[in-house]
Amino acid sequence: MSVLRIALVNDYEVVVRGLVAMLRAYQDQVQVVELDLNQPVAEMVDVALYDTFASVQGDRADVHALAANPRVRRVVVYSWTLDQALISAAIANGAGGYVSKGIPAHQLVIALQQICAGGPRVWVDSHGRPASGTGDWPGREEGLTARESEVLALITQGLTNTQIAGRTHLSINSVKTYIRSAYRRIGASTRTEAVLWGVEHGFRPDRLRVRPAGVPDDDAAADGGAA
């Protein structure tokens, strides 16, 4: 099987760089050619892996636009949210596949290969692993879990609790629980303090395109890419 060319799509650099680190041991099978943060994919790729961390889910316009990009052969949604109705909506919205963030790196690679080969399009974790086991996220060094980090990122973006619940497909009570635990970890007592902490610690979305070291530069530079 040929090496898959992959673009990683999310608004946070630490998240996509965490994915690069996860996939580094599988460079003979997958090649990350582009990291896109609030930028359209500029390279011809087999897969645009859309990480939903602090982003809209796969049933929204972002994934639809990715699927319509002629440079992208398939969009694969990479998410903690495994609601069957949402998965079906993402596929109907143009996603070529849907993969749980609970599966380990080697299984993620297999999933991408199978999706591109016309195999199963939905890959979920069947072992009940917690959602915080893989990748990277803002505030990990400060002890925040992946879900606490995501909720704090959305607070930093200015979303209300109701909006956060809608975006993450969490219950409003779960959102409040994550907020309380995140506040304890960062030493915040008010939403304003949490937003200020988030701004100071990289919880605002980034906007750039990054080409990983070792990938030859071509027309992405002409499209405004940054090394």
C-alpha atoms as a PDB file:
ATOM      1  CA  MET A   1       0.000   0.000   0.000  1.00  0.00           C
ATOM      2  CA  SER A   2       1.329   3.455  -0.922  1.00  0.00           C
ATOM      3  CA  VAL A   3       2.132   6.065   1.713  1.00  0.00           C
ATOM      4  CA  LEU A   4      -0.891   8.213   2.532  1.00  0.00           C
ATOM      5  CA  ARG A   5      -0.449  11.983   2.303  1.00  0.00           C
ATOM      6  CA  ILE A   6      -2.239  13.681   5.177  1.00  0.00           C
ATOM      7  CA  ALA A   7      -3.187  17.225   6.126  1.00  0.00           C
ATOM      8  CA  LEU A   8      -4.050  17.785   9.797  1.00  0.00           C
ATOM      9  CA  VAL A   9      -6.808  20.315  10.389  1.00  0.00           C
ATOM     10  CA  ASN A  10      -7.552  22.064  13.688  1.00  0.00           C
ATOM     11  CA  ASP A  11      -7.430  25.614  15.060  1.00  0.00           C
ATOM     12  CA  TYR A  12      -4.742  24.878  17.674  1.00  0.00           C
ATOM     13  CA  GLU A  13      -1.101  24.303  16.792  1.00  0.00           C
ATOM     14  CA  VAL A  14      -0.413  22.198  19.890  1.00  0.00           C
ATOM     15  CA  VAL A  15      -3.218  19.823  18.859  1.00  0.00           C
ATOM     16  CA  VAL A  16      -1.976  19.207  15.323  1.00  0.00           C
ATOM     17  CA  ARG A  17       1.629  18.945  16.490  1.00  0.00           C
ATOM     18  CA  GLY A  18       0.471  16.340  19.001  1.00  0.00           C
ATOM     19  CA  LEU A  19      -0.995  14.375  16.109  1.00  0.00           C
ATOM     20  CA  VAL A  20       2.301  14.655  14.227  1.00  0.00           C
ATOM     21  CA  ALA A  21       4.077  13.191  17.254  1.00  0.00           C
ATOM     22  CA  MET A  22       1.549  10.341  17.442  1.00  0.00           C
ATOM     23  CA  LEU A  23       2.090   9.441  13.798  1.00  0.00           C
ATOM     24  CA  ARG A  24       5.879   9.872  13.738  1.00  0.00           C
ATOM     25  CA  ALA A  25       6.539   6.147  14.176  1.00  0.00           C
ATOM     26  CA  TYR A  26       4.443   5.359  11.076  1.00  0.00           C
ATOM     27  CA  GLN A  27       6.188   7.530   8.481  1.00  0.00           C
ATOM     28  CA  ASP A  28       6.534   4.523   6.190  1.00  0.00           C
ATOM     29  CA  GLN A  29       2.726   4.409   6.016  1.00  0.00           C
ATOM     30  CA  VAL A  30       1.519   7.995   6.443  1.00  0.00           C
ATOM     31  CA  GLN A  31       3.188  11.302   5.584  1.00  0.00           C
ATOM     32  CA  VAL A  32       1.914  14.472   7.223  1.00  0.00           C
ATOM     33  CA  VAL A  33       2.449  17.122   4.564  1.00  0.00           C
ATOM     34  CA  GLU A  34       0.566  20.053   6.062  1.00  0.00           C
ATOM     35  CA  LEU A  35      -0.837  21.388   9.336  1.00  0.00           C
ATOM     36  CA  ASP A  36      -3.730  23.763   8.757  1.00  0.00           C
ATOM     37  CA  LEU A  37      -4.970  26.132  11.443  1.00  0.00           C
ATOM     38  CA  ASN A  38      -7.888  28.238  10.203  1.00  0.00           C
ATOM     39  CA  GLN A  39      -6.509  27.864   6.663  1.00  0.00           C
ATOM     40  CA  PRO A  40      -7.793  25.884   3.653  1.00  0.00           C
ATOM     41  CA  VAL A  41      -5.791  22.809   2.702  1.00  0.00           C
ATOM     42  CA  ALA A  42      -3.314  23.795  -0.027  1.00  0.00           C
ATOM     43  CA  GLU A  43      -1.596  20.457  -0.770  1.00  0.00           C
ATOM     44  CA  MET A  44      -2.969  17.506  -2.701  1.00  0.00           C
ATOM     45  CA  VAL A  45      -3.684  15.010   0.072  1.00  0.00           C
ATOM     46  CA  ASP A  46      -5.288  11.602   0.425  1.00  0.00           C
ATOM     47  CA  VAL A  47      -6.783  12.553   3.791  1.00  0.00           C
ATOM     48  CA  ALA A  48      -7.642  15.766   5.598  1.00  0.00           C
ATOM     49  CA  LEU A  49      -7.859  14.616   9.224  1.00  0.00           C
ATOM     50  CA  TYR A  50     -10.262  17.035  10.904  1.00  0.00           C
ATOM     51  CA  ASP A  51      -9.710  17.130  14.670  1.00  0.00           C
ATOM     52  CA  THR A  52     -12.821  18.445  16.424  1.00  0.00           C
ATOM     53  CA  PHE A  53     -10.987  19.782  19.508  1.00  0.00           C
ATOM     54  CA  ALA A  54     -12.696  23.137  20.329  1.00  0.00           C
ATOM     55  CA  SER A  55     -14.102  23.150  16.786  1.00  0.00           C
ATOM     56  CA  VAL A  56     -17.528  22.515  15.299  1.00  0.00           C
ATOM     57  CA  GLN A  57     -18.497  18.899  14.764  1.00  0.00           C
ATOM     58  CA  GLY A  58     -18.480  16.981  11.495  1.00  0.00           C
ATOM     59  CA  ASP A  59     -22.041  17.869  10.557  1.00  0.00           C
ATOM     60  CA  ARG A  60     -21.248  21.565  10.105  1.00  0.00           C
ATOM     61  CA  ALA A  61     -19.991  23.801   7.297  1.00  0.00           C
ATOM     62  CA  ASP A  62     -16.281  23.361   8.070  1.00  0.00           C
ATOM     63  CA  VAL A  63     -16.286  19.681   7.093  1.00  0.00           C
ATOM     64  CA  HIS A  64     -18.556  20.346   4.117  1.00  0.00           C
ATOM     65  CA  ALA A  65     -16.075  22.948   2.825  1.00  0.00           C
ATOM     66  CA  LEU A  66     -13.156  20.547   3.364  1.00  0.00           C
ATOM     67  CA  ALA A  67     -14.970  17.826   1.427  1.00  0.00           C
ATOM     68  CA  ALA A  68     -15.551  20.269  -1.439  1.00  0.00           C
ATOM     69  CA  ASN A  69     -11.848  21.182  -1.647  1.00  0.00           C
ATOM     70  CA  PRO A  70     -10.497  19.587  -4.870  1.00  0.00           C
ATOM     71  CA  ARG A  71      -7.113  19.072  -3.188  1.00  0.00           C
ATOM     72  CA  VAL A  72      -8.651  16.750  -0.591  1.00  0.00           C
ATOM     73  CA  ARG A  73      -9.549  13.207  -1.611  1.00  0.00           C
ATOM     74  CA  ARG A  74     -11.207  12.302   1.698  1.00  0.00           C
ATOM     75  CA  VAL A  75     -12.114  14.083   4.896  1.00  0.00           C
ATOM     76  CA  VAL A  76     -11.900  12.010   8.066  1.00  0.00           C
ATOM     77  CA  VAL A  77     -13.439  13.398  11.246  1.00  0.00           C
ATOM     78  CA  TYR A  78     -11.376  12.661  14.365  1.00  0.00           C
ATOM     79  CA  SER A  79     -13.560  13.093  17.435  1.00  0.00           C
ATOM     80  CA  TRP A  80     -14.385  12.071  20.989  1.00  0.00           C
ATOM     81  CA  THR A  81     -18.099  12.394  20.213  1.00  0.00           C
ATOM     82  CA  LEU A  82     -19.424   9.041  19.037  1.00  0.00           C
ATOM     83  CA  ASP A  83     -23.157   9.720  18.860  1.00  0.00           C
ATOM     84  CA  GLN A  84     -24.473   7.612  15.980  1.00  0.00           C
ATOM     85  CA  ALA A  85     -26.745  10.352  14.681  1.00  0.00           C
ATOM     86  CA  LEU A  86     -23.818  12.780  14.576  1.00  0.00           C
ATOM     87  CA  ILE A  87     -21.608  10.234  12.809  1.00  0.00           C
ATOM     88  CA  SER A  88     -24.297   9.662  10.181  1.00  0.00           C
ATOM     89  CA  ALA A  89     -24.751  13.416   9.763  1.00  0.00           C
ATOM     90  CA  ALA A  90     -20.999  13.889   9.284  1.00  0.00           C
ATOM     91  CA  ILE A  91     -20.907  11.202   6.582  1.00  0.00           C
ATOM     92  CA  ALA A  92     -23.929  12.786   4.881  1.00  0.00           C
ATOM     93  CA  ASN A  93     -22.125  16.132   5.120  1.00  0.00           C
ATOM     94  CA  GLY A  94     -19.276  14.840   2.973  1.00  0.00           C
ATOM     95  CA  ALA A  95     -16.927  13.151   5.451  1.00  0.00           C
ATOM     96  CA  GLY A  96     -15.360  10.015   4.021  1.00  0.00           C
ATOM     97  CA  GLY A  97     -14.746   8.547   7.446  1.00  0.00           C
ATOM     98  CA  TYR A  98     -15.183   9.034  11.188  1.00  0.00           C
ATOM     99  CA  VAL A  99     -12.586   7.886  13.746  1.00  0.00           C
ATOM    100  CA  SER A 100     -12.694   7.865  17.547  1.00  0.00           C
ATOM    101  CA  LYS A 101      -9.936   9.741  19.370  1.00  0.00           C
ATOM    102  CA  GLY A 102      -9.901   6.862  21.867  1.00  0.00           C
ATOM    103  CA  ILE A 103      -8.125   4.445  19.538  1.00  0.00           C
ATOM    104  CA  PRO A 104      -4.309   4.107  19.695  1.00  0.00           C
ATOM    105  CA  ALA A 105      -2.006   5.503  17.003  1.00  0.00           C
ATOM    106  CA  HIS A 106      -1.423   2.217  15.195  1.00  0.00           C
ATOM    107  CA  GLN A 107      -5.161   1.663  14.860  1.00  0.00           C
ATOM    108  CA  LEU A 108      -5.635   5.232  13.627  1.00  0.00           C
ATOM    109  CA  VAL A 109      -3.172   4.483  10.827  1.00  0.00           C
ATOM    110  CA  ILE A 110      -5.031   1.276   9.955  1.00  0.00           C
ATOM    111  CA  ALA A 111      -8.339   3.149   9.992  1.00  0.00           C
ATOM    112  CA  LEU A 112      -7.043   5.796   7.572  1.00  0.00           C
ATOM    113  CA  GLN A 113      -5.654   3.135   5.255  1.00  0.00           C
ATOM    114  CA  GLN A 114      -8.901   1.175   5.279  1.00  0.00           C
ATOM    115  CA  ILE A 115     -11.048   4.246   4.726  1.00  0.00           C
ATOM    116  CA  CYS A 116      -8.933   5.246   1.735  1.00  0.00           C
ATOM    117  CA  ALA A 117      -9.107   1.690   0.370  1.00  0.00           C
ATOM    118  CA  GLY A 118     -12.905   1.696   0.466  1.00  0.00           C
ATOM    119  CA  GLY A 119     -13.193  -0.278   3.703  1.00  0.00           C
ATOM    120  CA  PRO A 120     -15.208   0.553   6.844  1.00  0.00           C
ATOM    121  CA  ARG A 121     -15.725   4.281   7.246  1.00  0.00           C
ATOM    122  CA  VAL A 122     -16.459   4.393  10.992  1.00  0.00           C
ATOM    123  CA  TRP A 123     -13.816   3.368  13.548  1.00  0.00           C
ATOM    124  CA  VAL A 124     -14.630   3.629  17.242  1.00  0.00           C
ATOM    125  CA  ASP A 125     -12.819   2.519  20.382  1.00  0.00           C
ATOM    126  CA  SER A 126     -14.248  -0.813  21.492  1.00  0.00           C
ATOM    127  CA  HIS A 127     -12.207  -1.031  24.709  1.00  0.00           C
ATOM    128  CA  GLY A 128     -13.698   1.860  26.644  1.00  0.00           C
ATOM    129  CA  ARG A 129     -10.468   3.831  26.865  1.00  0.00           C
ATOM    130  CA  PRO A 130     -10.829   7.353  28.284  1.00  0.00           C
ATOM    131  CA  ALA A 131     -11.006  10.235  25.816  1.00  0.00           C
ATOM    132  CA  SER A 132      -7.876  11.872  27.202  1.00  0.00           C
ATOM    133  CA  GLY A 133      -5.373   9.154  26.326  1.00  0.00           C
ATOM    134  CA  THR A 134      -3.905  10.351  23.021  1.00  0.00           C
ATOM    135  CA  GLY A 135      -2.521  13.422  21.318  1.00  0.00           C
ATOM    136  CA  ASP A 136      -1.849  16.774  22.927  1.00  0.00           C
ATOM    137  CA  TRP A 137      -3.823  19.841  23.931  1.00  0.00           C
ATOM    138  CA  PRO A 138      -3.329  23.309  25.449  1.00  0.00           C
ATOM    139  CA  GLY A 139      -2.719  23.230  29.182  1.00  0.00           C
ATOM    140  CA  ARG A 140      -1.668  19.603  29.384  1.00  0.00           C
ATOM    141  CA  GLU A 141       1.477  20.592  31.292  1.00  0.00           C
ATOM    142  CA  GLU A 142      -0.717  22.408  33.826  1.00  0.00           C
ATOM    143  CA  GLY A 143      -2.632  19.174  34.498  1.00  0.00           C
ATOM    144  CA  LEU A 144      -5.754  19.858  32.438  1.00  0.00           C
ATOM    145  CA  THR A 145      -7.437  16.823  30.923  1.00  0.00           C
ATOM    146  CA  ALA A 146      -8.321  16.884  27.235  1.00  0.00           C
ATOM    147  CA  ARG A 147     -11.988  17.626  27.921  1.00  0.00           C
ATOM    148  CA  GLU A 148     -11.212  20.304  30.526  1.00  0.00           C
ATOM    149  CA  SER A 149      -8.857  21.901  28.024  1.00  0.00           C
ATOM    150  CA  GLU A 150     -11.465  21.858  25.274  1.00  0.00           C
ATOM    151  CA  VAL A 151     -14.108  23.455  27.464  1.00  0.00           C
ATOM    152  CA  LEU A 152     -11.632  26.095  28.641  1.00  0.00           C
ATOM    153  CA  ALA A 153     -10.642  26.794  25.025  1.00  0.00           C
ATOM    154  CA  LEU A 154     -14.292  27.381  24.134  1.00  0.00           C
ATOM    155  CA  ILE A 155     -14.716  29.656  27.171  1.00  0.00           C
ATOM    156  CA  THR A 156     -11.663  31.597  25.960  1.00  0.00           C
ATOM    157  CA  GLN A 157     -13.336  31.889  22.546  1.00  0.00           C
ATOM    158  CA  GLY A 158     -16.319  33.526  24.290  1.00  0.00           C
ATOM    159  CA  LEU A 159     -18.883  30.735  24.086  1.00  0.00           C
ATOM    160  CA  THR A 160     -21.596  30.369  26.723  1.00  0.00           C
ATOM    161  CA  ASN A 161     -22.173  27.123  28.593  1.00  0.00           C
ATOM    162  CA  THR A 162     -25.155  26.352  26.355  1.00  0.00           C
ATOM    163  CA  GLN A 163     -23.098  26.982  23.229  1.00  0.00           C
ATOM    164  CA  ILE A 164     -20.282  24.794  24.573  1.00  0.00           C
ATOM    165  CA  ALA A 165     -22.750  21.976  25.237  1.00  0.00           C
ATOM    166  CA  GLY A 166     -24.066  22.278  21.689  1.00  0.00           C
ATOM    167  CA  ARG A 167     -20.618  22.279  20.112  1.00  0.00           C
ATOM    168  CA  THR A 168     -19.190  19.394  22.149  1.00  0.00           C
ATOM    169  CA  HIS A 169     -22.403  17.324  22.383  1.00  0.00           C
ATOM    170  CA  LEU A 170     -21.936  17.225  26.157  1.00  0.00           C
ATOM    171  CA  SER A 171     -24.793  17.732  28.602  1.00  0.00           C
ATOM    172  CA  ILE A 172     -24.950  21.122  30.269  1.00  0.00           C
ATOM    173  CA  ASN A 173     -24.222  19.428  33.616  1.00  0.00           C
ATOM    174  CA  SER A 174     -21.100  17.791  32.170  1.00  0.00           C
ATOM    175  CA  VAL A 175     -19.950  21.155  30.828  1.00  0.00           C
ATOM    176  CA  LYS A 176     -20.378  22.698  34.273  1.00  0.00           C
ATOM    177  CA  THR A 177     -18.459  19.827  35.855  1.00  0.00           C
ATOM    178  CA  TYR A 178     -15.537  20.294  33.444  1.00  0.00           C
ATOM    179  CA  ILE A 179     -15.583  24.035  34.071  1.00  0.00           C
ATOM    180  CA  ARG A 180     -15.396  23.568  37.853  1.00  0.00           C
ATOM    181  CA  SER A 181     -12.560  21.061  37.630  1.00  0.00           C
ATOM    182  CA  ALA A 182     -10.658  23.219  35.095  1.00  0.00           C
ATOM    183  CA  TYR A 183     -11.028  26.272  37.344  1.00  0.00           C
ATOM    184  CA  ARG A 184      -9.583  24.327  40.282  1.00  0.00           C
ATOM    185  CA  ARG A 185      -6.569  23.259  38.221  1.00  0.00           C
ATOM    186  CA  ILE A 186      -5.744  26.764  36.976  1.00  0.00           C
ATOM    187  CA  GLY A 187      -6.676  28.602  40.176  1.00  0.00           C
ATOM    188  CA  ALA A 188      -9.520  30.631  38.647  1.00  0.00           C
ATOM    189  CA  SER A 189     -12.689  31.564  40.509  1.00  0.00           C
ATOM    190  CA  THR A 190     -14.521  33.533  37.802  1.00  0.00           C
ATOM    191  CA  ARG A 191     -15.083  33.242  34.070  1.00  0.00           C
ATOM    192  CA  THR A 192     -13.129  36.446  33.495  1.00  0.00           C
ATOM    193  CA  GLU A 193     -10.116  35.010  35.335  1.00  0.00           C
ATOM    194  CA  ALA A 194     -10.414  31.807  33.286  1.00  0.00           C
ATOM    195  CA  VAL A 195     -10.505  33.748  29.999  1.00  0.00           C
ATOM    196  CA  LEU A 196      -7.459  35.804  30.978  1.00  0.00           C
ATOM    197  CA  TRP A 197      -5.608  32.621  31.954  1.00  0.00           C
ATOM    198  CA  GLY A 198      -6.596  31.027  28.664  1.00  0.00           C
ATOM    199  CA  VAL A 199      -5.387  33.997  26.619  1.00  0.00           C
ATOM    200  CA  GLU A 200      -2.047  33.933  28.444  1.00  0.00           C
ATOM    201  CA  HIS A 201      -1.595  30.158  28.008  1.00  0.00           C
ATOM    202  CA  GLY A 202      -2.327  29.581  24.327  1.00  0.00           C
ATOM    203  CA  PHE A 203      -6.061  28.881  24.369  1.00  0.00           C
ATOM    204  CA  ARG A 204      -6.918  31.271  21.553  1.00  0.00           C
ATOM    205  CA  PRO A 205      -7.161  29.720  18.063  1.00  0.00           C
ATOM    206  CA  ASP A 206      -4.099  30.015  15.836  1.00  0.00           C
ATOM    207  CA  ARG A 207      -4.096  31.020  12.185  1.00  0.00           C
ATOM    208  CA  LEU A 208      -1.264  29.664  10.070  1.00  0.00           C
ATOM    209  CA  ARG A 209      -0.152  26.837   7.851  1.00  0.00           C
ATOM    210  CA  VAL A 210       2.820  24.750   8.966  1.00  0.00           C
ATOM    211  CA  ARG A 211       4.835  22.453   6.750  1.00  0.00           C
ATOM    212  CA  PRO A 212       6.554  19.718   8.785  1.00  0.00           C
ATOM    213  CA  ALA A 213      10.322  19.442   8.556  1.00  0.00           C
ATOM    214  CA  GLY A 214      11.476  17.194   5.746  1.00  0.00           C
ATOM    215  CA  VAL A 215       8.501  17.834   3.470  1.00  0.00           C
ATOM    216  CA  PRO A 216       9.612  19.502   0.219  1.00  0.00           C
ATOM    217  CA  ASP A 217       8.104  22.913  -0.355  1.00  0.00           C
ATOM    218  CA  ASP A 218       6.091  23.609  -3.500  1.00  0.00           C
ATOM    219  CA  ASP A 219       2.952  25.557  -4.294  1.00  0.00           C
ATOM    220  CA  ALA A 220       1.930  25.897  -0.642  1.00  0.00           C
ATOM    221  CA  ALA A 221       4.471  28.691  -0.253  1.00  0.00           C
ATOM    222  CA  ALA A 222       2.761  30.576  -3.036  1.00  0.00           C
ATOM    223  CA  ASP A 223      -0.539  30.157  -1.165  1.00  0.00           C
ATOM    224  CA  GLY A 224       0.762  31.981   1.903  1.00  0.00           C
ATOM    225  CA  GLY A 225       2.099  28.988   3.806  1.00  0.00           C
ATOM    226  CA  ALA A 226       4.475  29.415   6.711  1.00  0.00           C
ATOM    227  CA  ALA A 227       7.420  27.178   7.458  1.00  0.00           C
END
